[in-house]
């Protein structure tokens, strides 16, 4: 897999100061997404953080300042992603699209 595109979104939602990185697979169906949500290969996805940050123009941020969270976007665990633990990406979310 490789990074195909990124979208940076400013997020001023109350209580959401940690920036987040979400990964989406381009050709994944809705059913596949539902089935794979809790089994994402986050160690493989972690390796793609530097290229995602570079495409977003944020390559000064260290990729090791992110931790995996199954509940990054929602308390029920439906939107896993990486959370910026060092507040380097404050109020910004990055949506990364992956292709094979």
PDB file of N, CA and C in Angstrom:
ATOM      1  N   UNK A   1       0.831  -1.176   0.000  1.00  0.00           N
ATOM      2  CA  UNK A   1       0.000   0.000   0.000  1.00  0.00           C
ATOM      3  C   UNK A   1       0.876   1.239   0.000  1.00  0.00           C
ATOM      4  N   UNK A   2       0.297   2.300  -0.560  1.00  0.00           N
ATOM      5  CA  UNK A   2       1.004   3.576  -0.578  1.00  0.00           C
ATOM      6  C   UNK A   2       0.005   4.709  -0.376  1.00  0.00           C
ATOM      7  N   UNK A   3       0.507   5.829   0.067  1.00  0.00           N
ATOM      8  CA  UNK A   3      -0.325   7.007   0.291  1.00  0.00           C
ATOM      9  C   UNK A   3      -0.672   7.613  -1.058  1.00  0.00           C
ATOM     10  N   UNK A   4      -1.952   7.798  -1.311  1.00  0.00           N
ATOM     11  CA  UNK A   4      -2.422   8.371  -2.571  1.00  0.00           C
ATOM     12  C   UNK A   4      -2.769   9.844  -2.423  1.00  0.00           C
ATOM     13  N   UNK A   5      -3.292  10.229  -1.266  1.00  0.00           N
ATOM     14  CA  UNK A   5      -3.661  11.625  -1.057  1.00  0.00           C
ATOM     15  C   UNK A   5      -3.932  11.900   0.393  1.00  0.00           C
ATOM     16  N   UNK A   6      -3.877  13.179   0.743  1.00  0.00           N
ATOM     17  CA  UNK A   6      -4.174  13.604   2.110  1.00  0.00           C
ATOM     18  C   UNK A   6      -5.072  14.831   2.074  1.00  0.00           C
ATOM     19  N   UNK A   7      -5.855  14.969   3.115  1.00  0.00           N
ATOM     20  CA  UNK A   7      -6.708  16.138   3.284  1.00  0.00           C
ATOM     21  C   UNK A   7      -6.561  16.588   4.730  1.00  0.00           C
ATOM     22  N   UNK A   8      -6.215  17.852   4.931  1.00  0.00           N
ATOM     23  CA  UNK A   8      -6.067  18.408   6.271  1.00  0.00           C
ATOM     24  C   UNK A   8      -7.315  19.221   6.580  1.00  0.00           C
ATOM     25  N   UNK A   9      -7.940  18.919   7.706  1.00  0.00           N
ATOM     26  CA  UNK A   9      -9.169  19.587   8.116  1.00  0.00           C
ATOM     27  C   UNK A   9      -8.942  20.215   9.483  1.00  0.00           C
ATOM     28  N   UNK A  10      -9.303  21.486   9.612  1.00  0.00           N
ATOM     29  CA  UNK A  10      -9.231  22.162  10.910  1.00  0.00           C
ATOM     30  C   UNK A  10     -10.425  21.728  11.743  1.00  0.00           C
ATOM     31  N   UNK A  11     -10.159  21.361  12.991  1.00  0.00           N
ATOM     32  CA  UNK A  11     -11.193  20.833  13.869  1.00  0.00           C
ATOM     33  C   UNK A  11     -11.191  21.599  15.185  1.00  0.00           C
ATOM     34  N   UNK A  12     -12.181  22.478  15.365  1.00  0.00           N
ATOM     35  CA  UNK A  12     -12.303  23.224  16.609  1.00  0.00           C
ATOM     36  C   UNK A  12     -13.424  22.686  17.479  1.00  0.00           C
ATOM     37  N   UNK A  13     -13.786  21.414  17.275  1.00  0.00           N
ATOM     38  CA  UNK A  13     -14.828  20.801  18.089  1.00  0.00           C
ATOM     39  C   UNK A  13     -14.394  20.795  19.554  1.00  0.00           C
ATOM     40  N   UNK A  14     -15.314  21.102  20.441  1.00  0.00           N
ATOM     41  CA  UNK A  14     -15.013  21.180  21.869  1.00  0.00           C
ATOM     42  C   UNK A  14     -14.371  19.883  22.364  1.00  0.00           C
ATOM     43  N   UNK A  15     -13.271  20.015  23.062  1.00  0.00           N
ATOM     44  CA  UNK A  15     -12.587  18.869  23.636  1.00  0.00           C
ATOM     45  C   UNK A  15     -11.699  18.131  22.660  1.00  0.00           C
ATOM     46  N   UNK A  16     -11.500  18.680  21.474  1.00  0.00           N
ATOM     47  CA  UNK A  16     -10.714  17.993  20.454  1.00  0.00           C
ATOM     48  C   UNK A  16      -9.471  18.796  20.103  1.00  0.00           C
ATOM     49  N   UNK A  17      -8.524  18.878  21.026  1.00  0.00           N
ATOM     50  CA  UNK A  17      -7.312  19.641  20.754  1.00  0.00           C
ATOM     51  C   UNK A  17      -6.213  18.787  20.166  1.00  0.00           C
ATOM     52  N   UNK A  18      -6.204  17.496  20.455  1.00  0.00           N
ATOM     53  CA  UNK A  18      -5.203  16.596  19.874  1.00  0.00           C
ATOM     54  C   UNK A  18      -5.509  16.412  18.398  1.00  0.00           C
ATOM     55  N   UNK A  19      -4.503  16.603  17.556  1.00  0.00           N
ATOM     56  CA  UNK A  19      -4.685  16.317  16.142  1.00  0.00           C
ATOM     57  C   UNK A  19      -4.733  14.808  15.923  1.00  0.00           C
ATOM     58  N   UNK A  20      -5.343  14.390  14.833  1.00  0.00           N
ATOM     59  CA  UNK A  20      -5.492  12.960  14.549  1.00  0.00           C
ATOM     60  C   UNK A  20      -5.186  12.667  13.088  1.00  0.00           C
ATOM     61  N   UNK A  21      -4.750  11.449  12.839  1.00  0.00           N
ATOM     62  CA  UNK A  21      -4.534  10.982  11.468  1.00  0.00           C
ATOM     63  C   UNK A  21      -5.390   9.734  11.273  1.00  0.00           C
ATOM     64  N   UNK A  22      -6.254   9.791  10.261  1.00  0.00           N
ATOM     65  CA  UNK A  22      -7.122   8.668   9.924  1.00  0.00           C
ATOM     66  C   UNK A  22      -6.696   8.105   8.576  1.00  0.00           C
ATOM     67  N   UNK A  23      -6.673   6.790   8.457  1.00  0.00           N
ATOM     68  CA  UNK A  23      -6.326   6.136   7.201  1.00  0.00           C
ATOM     69  C   UNK A  23      -7.560   5.459   6.612  1.00  0.00           C
ATOM     70  N   UNK A  24      -7.773   5.679   5.317  1.00  0.00           N
ATOM     71  CA  UNK A  24      -8.870   5.042   4.585  1.00  0.00           C
ATOM     72  C   UNK A  24      -8.293   4.352   3.356  1.00  0.00           C
ATOM     73  N   UNK A  25      -8.795   3.167   3.074  1.00  0.00           N
ATOM     74  CA  UNK A  25      -8.351   2.419   1.901  1.00  0.00           C
ATOM     75  C   UNK A  25      -9.293   2.727   0.752  1.00  0.00           C
ATOM     76  N   UNK A  26      -8.736   3.154  -0.377  1.00  0.00           N
ATOM     77  CA  UNK A  26      -9.520   3.706  -1.485  1.00  0.00           C
ATOM     78  C   UNK A  26     -10.565   2.745  -2.035  1.00  0.00           C
ATOM     79  N   UNK A  27     -10.230   1.508  -2.275  1.00  0.00           N
ATOM     80  CA  UNK A  27     -11.166   0.595  -2.936  1.00  0.00           C
ATOM     81  C   UNK A  27     -11.908  -0.331  -1.969  1.00  0.00           C
ATOM     82  N   UNK A  28     -11.911   0.009  -0.705  1.00  0.00           N
ATOM     83  CA  UNK A  28     -12.578  -0.810   0.302  1.00  0.00           C
ATOM     84  C   UNK A  28     -14.087  -0.530   0.295  1.00  0.00           C
ATOM     85  N   UNK A  29     -14.874  -1.589   0.291  1.00  0.00           N
ATOM     86  CA  UNK A  29     -16.327  -1.420   0.326  1.00  0.00           C
ATOM     87  C   UNK A  29     -16.762  -1.066   1.754  1.00  0.00           C
ATOM     88  N   UNK A  30     -17.989  -0.628   1.882  1.00  0.00           N
ATOM     89  CA  UNK A  30     -18.526  -0.289   3.199  1.00  0.00           C
ATOM     90  C   UNK A  30     -18.506  -1.504   4.123  1.00  0.00           C
ATOM     91  N   UNK A  31     -18.879  -2.657   3.613  1.00  0.00           N
ATOM     92  CA  UNK A  31     -18.876  -3.880   4.411  1.00  0.00           C
ATOM     93  C   UNK A  31     -17.453  -4.242   4.846  1.00  0.00           C
ATOM     94  N   UNK A  32     -16.494  -4.146   3.934  1.00  0.00           N
ATOM     95  CA  UNK A  32     -15.100  -4.437   4.286  1.00  0.00           C
ATOM     96  C   UNK A  32     -14.611  -3.463   5.361  1.00  0.00           C
ATOM     97  N   UNK A  33     -14.988  -2.193   5.230  1.00  0.00           N
ATOM     98  CA  UNK A  33     -14.593  -1.202   6.221  1.00  0.00           C
ATOM     99  C   UNK A  33     -15.149  -1.554   7.592  1.00  0.00           C
ATOM    100  N   UNK A  34     -16.410  -1.937   7.652  1.00  0.00           N
ATOM    101  CA  UNK A  34     -17.021  -2.324   8.925  1.00  0.00           C
ATOM    102  C   UNK A  34     -16.331  -3.538   9.538  1.00  0.00           C
ATOM    103  N   UNK A  35     -16.004  -4.517   8.709  1.00  0.00           N
ATOM    104  CA  UNK A  35     -15.375  -5.741   9.201  1.00  0.00           C
ATOM    105  C   UNK A  35     -13.920  -5.524   9.629  1.00  0.00           C
ATOM    106  N   UNK A  36     -13.234  -4.604   8.969  1.00  0.00           N
ATOM    107  CA  UNK A  36     -11.803  -4.413   9.218  1.00  0.00           C
ATOM    108  C   UNK A  36     -11.468  -3.331  10.238  1.00  0.00           C
ATOM    109  N   UNK A  37     -12.442  -2.625  10.725  1.00  0.00           N
ATOM    110  CA  UNK A  37     -12.193  -1.496  11.630  1.00  0.00           C
ATOM    111  C   UNK A  37     -11.360  -1.847  12.854  1.00  0.00           C
ATOM    112  N   UNK A  38     -11.620  -2.982  13.425  1.00  0.00           N
ATOM    113  CA  UNK A  38     -10.924  -3.352  14.658  1.00  0.00           C
ATOM    114  C   UNK A  38      -9.687  -4.213  14.436  1.00  0.00           C
ATOM    115  N   UNK A  39      -9.349  -4.461  13.180  1.00  0.00           N
ATOM    116  CA  UNK A  39      -8.176  -5.296  12.893  1.00  0.00           C
ATOM    117  C   UNK A  39      -7.199  -4.597  11.960  1.00  0.00           C
ATOM    118  N   UNK A  40      -7.191  -3.281  11.959  1.00  0.00           N
ATOM    119  CA  UNK A  40      -6.269  -2.540  11.098  1.00  0.00           C
ATOM    120  C   UNK A  40      -4.830  -2.845  11.483  1.00  0.00           C
ATOM    121  N   UNK A  41      -3.961  -3.021  10.475  1.00  0.00           N
ATOM    122  CA  UNK A  41      -2.535  -3.275  10.765  1.00  0.00           C
ATOM    123  C   UNK A  41      -1.831  -1.965  11.125  1.00  0.00           C
ATOM    124  N   UNK A  42      -2.073  -1.486  12.350  1.00  0.00           N
ATOM    125  CA  UNK A  42      -1.616  -0.148  12.705  1.00  0.00           C
ATOM    126  C   UNK A  42      -0.101  -0.005  12.702  1.00  0.00           C
ATOM    127  N   UNK A  43       0.640  -1.082  12.890  1.00  0.00           N
ATOM    128  CA  UNK A  43       2.105  -0.970  12.806  1.00  0.00           C
ATOM    129  C   UNK A  43       2.547  -0.684  11.376  1.00  0.00           C
ATOM    130  N   UNK A  44       1.842  -1.249  10.401  1.00  0.00           N
ATOM    131  CA  UNK A  44       2.128  -0.945   9.002  1.00  0.00           C
ATOM    132  C   UNK A  44       1.681   0.471   8.657  1.00  0.00           C
ATOM    133  N   UNK A  45       0.536   0.884   9.188  1.00  0.00           N
ATOM    134  CA  UNK A  45       0.038   2.243   8.945  1.00  0.00           C
ATOM    135  C   UNK A  45       0.967   3.285   9.570  1.00  0.00           C
ATOM    136  N   UNK A  46       1.542   2.966  10.717  1.00  0.00           N
ATOM    137  CA  UNK A  46       2.461   3.891  11.391  1.00  0.00           C
ATOM    138  C   UNK A  46       3.645   4.247  10.491  1.00  0.00           C
ATOM    139  N   UNK A  47       4.090   3.299   9.686  1.00  0.00           N
ATOM    140  CA  UNK A  47       5.220   3.535   8.779  1.00  0.00           C
ATOM    141  C   UNK A  47       4.873   4.535   7.684  1.00  0.00           C
ATOM    142  N   UNK A  48       3.584   4.759   7.440  1.00  0.00           N
ATOM    143  CA  UNK A  48       3.154   5.677   6.394  1.00  0.00           C
ATOM    144  C   UNK A  48       2.925   7.096   6.909  1.00  0.00           C
ATOM    145  N   UNK A  49       3.019   7.299   8.205  1.00  0.00           N
ATOM    146  CA  UNK A  49       2.795   8.624   8.783  1.00  0.00           C
ATOM    147  C   UNK A  49       3.770   9.663   8.221  1.00  0.00           C
ATOM    148  N   UNK A  50       5.086   9.370   8.114  1.00  0.00           N
ATOM    149  CA  UNK A  50       5.990  10.401   7.577  1.00  0.00           C
ATOM    150  C   UNK A  50       5.618  10.865   6.161  1.00  0.00           C
ATOM    151  N   UNK A  51       5.242   9.948   5.292  1.00  0.00           N
ATOM    152  CA  UNK A  51       4.880  10.366   3.933  1.00  0.00           C
ATOM    153  C   UNK A  51       3.562  11.135   3.924  1.00  0.00           C
ATOM    154  N   UNK A  52       2.628  10.785   4.814  1.00  0.00           N
ATOM    155  CA  UNK A  52       1.371  11.519   4.915  1.00  0.00           C
ATOM    156  C   UNK A  52       1.625  12.941   5.417  1.00  0.00           C
ATOM    157  N   UNK A  53       2.479  13.078   6.424  1.00  0.00           N
ATOM    158  CA  UNK A  53       2.805  14.403   6.946  1.00  0.00           C
ATOM    159  C   UNK A  53       3.518  15.249   5.895  1.00  0.00           C
ATOM    160  N   UNK A  54       4.382  14.620   5.119  1.00  0.00           N
ATOM    161  CA  UNK A  54       5.087  15.349   4.066  1.00  0.00           C
ATOM    162  C   UNK A  54       4.116  15.854   3.006  1.00  0.00           C
ATOM    163  N   UNK A  55       3.192  15.006   2.565  1.00  0.00           N
ATOM    164  CA  UNK A  55       2.195  15.434   1.584  1.00  0.00           C
ATOM    165  C   UNK A  55       1.291  16.529   2.132  1.00  0.00           C
ATOM    166  N   UNK A  56       1.069  16.535   3.428  1.00  0.00           N
ATOM    167  CA  UNK A  56       0.229  17.555   4.057  1.00  0.00           C
ATOM    168  C   UNK A  56       1.003  18.843   4.339  1.00  0.00           C
ATOM    169  N   UNK A  57       2.306  18.839   4.070  1.00  0.00           N
ATOM    170  CA  UNK A  57       3.126  20.009   4.336  1.00  0.00           C
ATOM    171  C   UNK A  57       3.469  20.173   5.802  1.00  0.00           C
ATOM    172  N   UNK A  58       3.391  19.083   6.534  1.00  0.00           N
ATOM    173  CA  UNK A  58       3.653  19.114   7.981  1.00  0.00           C
ATOM    174  C   UNK A  58       4.799  18.188   8.356  1.00  0.00           C
ATOM    175  N   UNK A  59       5.802  18.080   7.481  1.00  0.00           N
ATOM    176  CA  UNK A  59       6.877  17.120   7.703  1.00  0.00           C
ATOM    177  C   UNK A  59       7.856  17.533   8.795  1.00  0.00           C
ATOM    178  N   UNK A  60       7.644  18.675   9.436  1.00  0.00           N
ATOM    179  CA  UNK A  60       8.483  19.043  10.581  1.00  0.00           C
ATOM    180  C   UNK A  60       8.032  18.324  11.851  1.00  0.00           C
ATOM    181  N   UNK A  61       6.855  17.713  11.807  1.00  0.00           N
ATOM    182  CA  UNK A  61       6.330  16.983  12.963  1.00  0.00           C
ATOM    183  C   UNK A  61       6.895  15.569  12.965  1.00  0.00           C
ATOM    184  N   UNK A  62       7.402  15.137  14.101  1.00  0.00           N
ATOM    185  CA  UNK A  62       7.955  13.791  14.240  1.00  0.00           C
ATOM    186  C   UNK A  62       6.856  12.746  14.205  1.00  0.00           C
ATOM    187  N   UNK A  63       7.060  11.672  13.461  1.00  0.00           N
ATOM    188  CA  UNK A  63       6.034  10.634  13.363  1.00  0.00           C
ATOM    189  C   UNK A  63       5.893   9.833  14.651  1.00  0.00           C
ATOM    190  N   UNK A  64       6.898   9.893  15.531  1.00  0.00           N
ATOM    191  CA  UNK A  64       6.790   9.153  16.792  1.00  0.00           C
ATOM    192  C   UNK A  64       5.973   9.896  17.841  1.00  0.00           C
ATOM    193  N   UNK A  65       5.434  11.068  17.493  1.00  0.00           N
ATOM    194  CA  UNK A  65       4.589  11.781  18.449  1.00  0.00           C
ATOM    195  C   UNK A  65       3.126  11.350  18.337  1.00  0.00           C
ATOM    196  N   UNK A  66       2.862  10.257  17.600  1.00  0.00           N
ATOM    197  CA  UNK A  66       1.499   9.752  17.436  1.00  0.00           C
ATOM    198  C   UNK A  66       1.350   8.386  18.083  1.00  0.00           C
ATOM    199  N   UNK A  67       0.196   8.184  18.715  1.00  0.00           N
ATOM    200  CA  UNK A  67      -0.101   6.869  19.303  1.00  0.00           C
ATOM    201  C   UNK A  67      -1.378   6.342  18.664  1.00  0.00           C
ATOM    202  N   UNK A  68      -1.471   5.039  18.524  1.00  0.00           N
ATOM    203  CA  UNK A  68      -2.656   4.408  17.953  1.00  0.00           C
ATOM    204  C   UNK A  68      -3.784   4.436  18.967  1.00  0.00           C
ATOM    205  N   UNK A  69      -4.986   4.737  18.497  1.00  0.00           N
ATOM    206  CA  UNK A  69      -6.164   4.689  19.353  1.00  0.00           C
ATOM    207  C   UNK A  69      -7.336   4.127  18.561  1.00  0.00           C
ATOM    208  N   UNK A  70      -7.922   3.071  19.070  1.00  0.00           N
ATOM    209  CA  UNK A  70      -9.104   2.503  18.424  1.00  0.00           C
ATOM    210  C   UNK A  70     -10.268   3.491  18.496  1.00  0.00           C
ATOM    211  N   UNK A  71     -10.235   4.358  19.488  1.00  0.00           N
ATOM    212  CA  UNK A  71     -11.319   5.317  19.698  1.00  0.00           C
ATOM    213  C   UNK A  71     -10.868   6.754  19.402  1.00  0.00           C
ATOM    214  N   UNK A  72     -10.063   6.934  18.387  1.00  0.00           N
ATOM    215  CA  UNK A  72      -9.519   8.258  18.066  1.00  0.00           C
ATOM    216  C   UNK A  72     -10.610   9.267  17.732  1.00  0.00           C
ATOM    217  N   UNK A  73     -11.597   8.870  16.946  1.00  0.00           N
ATOM    218  CA  UNK A  73     -12.608   9.817  16.515  1.00  0.00           C
ATOM    219  C   UNK A  73     -13.932   9.698  17.230  1.00  0.00           C
ATOM    220  N   UNK A  74     -14.131   8.599  17.939  1.00  0.00           N
ATOM    221  CA  UNK A  74     -15.424   8.363  18.576  1.00  0.00           C
ATOM    222  C   UNK A  74     -15.243   7.378  19.725  1.00  0.00           C
ATOM    223  N   UNK A  75     -16.005   7.544  20.752  1.00  0.00           N
ATOM    224  CA  UNK A  75     -15.900   6.689  21.932  1.00  0.00           C
ATOM    225  C   UNK A  75     -16.315   5.253  21.727  1.00  0.00           C
ATOM    226  N   UNK A  76     -17.024   4.969  20.636  1.00  0.00           N
ATOM    227  CA  UNK A  76     -17.478   3.594  20.419  1.00  0.00           C
ATOM    228  C   UNK A  76     -16.441   2.747  19.670  1.00  0.00           C
ATOM    229  N   UNK A  77     -15.395   3.361  19.144  1.00  0.00           N
ATOM    230  CA  UNK A  77     -14.358   2.599  18.454  1.00  0.00           C
ATOM    231  C   UNK A  77     -14.571   2.468  16.963  1.00  0.00           C
ATOM    232  N   UNK A  78     -15.497   3.234  16.422  1.00  0.00           N
ATOM    233  CA  UNK A  78     -15.809   3.099  14.995  1.00  0.00           C
ATOM    234  C   UNK A  78     -14.834   3.857  14.099  1.00  0.00           C
ATOM    235  N   UNK A  79     -14.025   4.733  14.648  1.00  0.00           N
ATOM    236  CA  UNK A  79     -13.107   5.518  13.822  1.00  0.00           C
ATOM    237  C   UNK A  79     -11.697   5.511  14.411  1.00  0.00           C
ATOM    238  N   UNK A  80     -10.978   4.400  14.195  1.00  0.00           N
ATOM    239  CA  UNK A  80      -9.618   4.302  14.715  1.00  0.00           C
ATOM    240  C   UNK A  80      -8.659   5.210  13.957  1.00  0.00           C
ATOM    241  N   UNK A  81      -7.591   5.585  14.633  1.00  0.00           N
ATOM    242  CA  UNK A  81      -6.578   6.421  13.999  1.00  0.00           C
ATOM    243  C   UNK A  81      -5.438   6.697  14.960  1.00  0.00           C
ATOM    244  N   UNK A  82      -4.559   7.576  14.531  1.00  0.00           N
ATOM    245  CA  UNK A  82      -3.409   7.961  15.346  1.00  0.00           C
ATOM    246  C   UNK A  82      -3.674   9.321  15.968  1.00  0.00           C
ATOM    247  N   UNK A  83      -3.399   9.448  17.260  1.00  0.00           N
ATOM    248  CA  UNK A  83      -3.631  10.676  18.003  1.00  0.00           C
ATOM    249  C   UNK A  83      -2.283  11.320  18.316  1.00  0.00           C
ATOM    250  N   UNK A  84      -2.190  12.615  18.099  1.00  0.00           N
ATOM    251  CA  UNK A  84      -0.980  13.373  18.381  1.00  0.00           C
ATOM    252  C   UNK A  84      -0.854  13.566  19.890  1.00  0.00           C
ATOM    253  N   UNK A  85       0.059  12.859  20.490  1.00  0.00           N
ATOM    254  CA  UNK A  85       0.190  12.920  21.948  1.00  0.00           C
ATOM    255  C   UNK A  85       1.004  14.121  22.427  1.00  0.00           C
ATOM    256  N   UNK A  86       1.719  14.804  21.523  1.00  0.00           N
ATOM    257  CA  UNK A  86       2.571  15.927  21.900  1.00  0.00           C
ATOM    258  C   UNK A  86       1.995  17.286  21.504  1.00  0.00           C
ATOM    259  N   UNK A  87       0.741  17.324  21.082  1.00  0.00           N
ATOM    260  CA  UNK A  87       0.060  18.566  20.692  1.00  0.00           C
ATOM    261  C   UNK A  87       0.793  19.325  19.583  1.00  0.00           C
ATOM    262  N   UNK A  88       1.462  18.620  18.686  1.00  0.00           N
ATOM    263  CA  UNK A  88       2.140  19.279  17.566  1.00  0.00           C
ATOM    264  C   UNK A  88       1.176  19.549  16.408  1.00  0.00           C
ATOM    265  N   UNK A  89       0.049  18.854  16.412  1.00  0.00           N
ATOM    266  CA  UNK A  89      -0.929  18.952  15.329  1.00  0.00           C
ATOM    267  C   UNK A  89      -2.259  19.461  15.889  1.00  0.00           C
ATOM    268  N   UNK A  90      -2.201  20.420  16.791  1.00  0.00           N
ATOM    269  CA  UNK A  90      -3.382  20.906  17.506  1.00  0.00           C
ATOM    270  C   UNK A  90      -4.468  21.396  16.561  1.00  0.00           C
ATOM    271  N   UNK A  91      -5.689  20.924  16.794  1.00  0.00           N
ATOM    272  CA  UNK A  91      -6.893  21.300  16.044  1.00  0.00           C
ATOM    273  C   UNK A  91      -6.834  20.972  14.561  1.00  0.00           C
ATOM    274  N   UNK A  92      -6.028  19.993  14.175  1.00  0.00           N
ATOM    275  CA  UNK A  92      -5.985  19.573  12.780  1.00  0.00           C
ATOM    276  C   UNK A  92      -6.155  18.062  12.704  1.00  0.00           C
ATOM    277  N   UNK A  93      -6.964  17.617  11.774  1.00  0.00           N
ATOM    278  CA  UNK A  93      -7.110  16.193  11.486  1.00  0.00           C
ATOM    279  C   UNK A  93      -6.634  15.959  10.067  1.00  0.00           C
ATOM    280  N   UNK A  94      -5.939  14.851   9.867  1.00  0.00           N
ATOM    281  CA  UNK A  94      -5.434  14.499   8.546  1.00  0.00           C
ATOM    282  C   UNK A  94      -6.121  13.215   8.110  1.00  0.00           C
ATOM    283  N   UNK A  95      -6.737  13.261   6.945  1.00  0.00           N
ATOM    284  CA  UNK A  95      -7.390  12.089   6.355  1.00  0.00           C
ATOM    285  C   UNK A  95      -6.513  11.606   5.212  1.00  0.00           C
ATOM    286  N   UNK A  96      -6.028  10.370   5.335  1.00  0.00           N
ATOM    287  CA  UNK A  96      -5.090   9.800   4.370  1.00  0.00           C
ATOM    288  C   UNK A  96      -5.795   8.716   3.566  1.00  0.00           C
ATOM    289  N   UNK A  97      -5.662   8.779   2.251  1.00  0.00           N
ATOM    290  CA  UNK A  97      -6.222   7.744   1.379  1.00  0.00           C
ATOM    291  C   UNK A  97      -5.084   6.847   0.901  1.00  0.00           C
ATOM    292  N   UNK A  98      -5.275   5.541   1.064  1.00  0.00           N
ATOM    293  CA  UNK A  98      -4.277   4.554   0.645  1.00  0.00           C
ATOM    294  C   UNK A  98      -4.769   3.786  -0.575  1.00  0.00           C
ATOM    295  N   UNK A  99      -3.843   3.418  -1.454  1.00  0.00           N
ATOM    296  CA  UNK A  99      -4.142   2.568  -2.612  1.00  0.00           C
ATOM    297  C   UNK A  99      -3.146   1.422  -2.641  1.00  0.00           C
ATOM    298  N   UNK A 100      -3.539   0.349  -3.308  1.00  0.00           N
ATOM    299  CA  UNK A 100      -2.624  -0.806  -3.454  1.00  0.00           C
ATOM    300  C   UNK A 100      -1.590  -0.550  -4.514  1.00  0.00           C
TER     301      UNK A 100
END
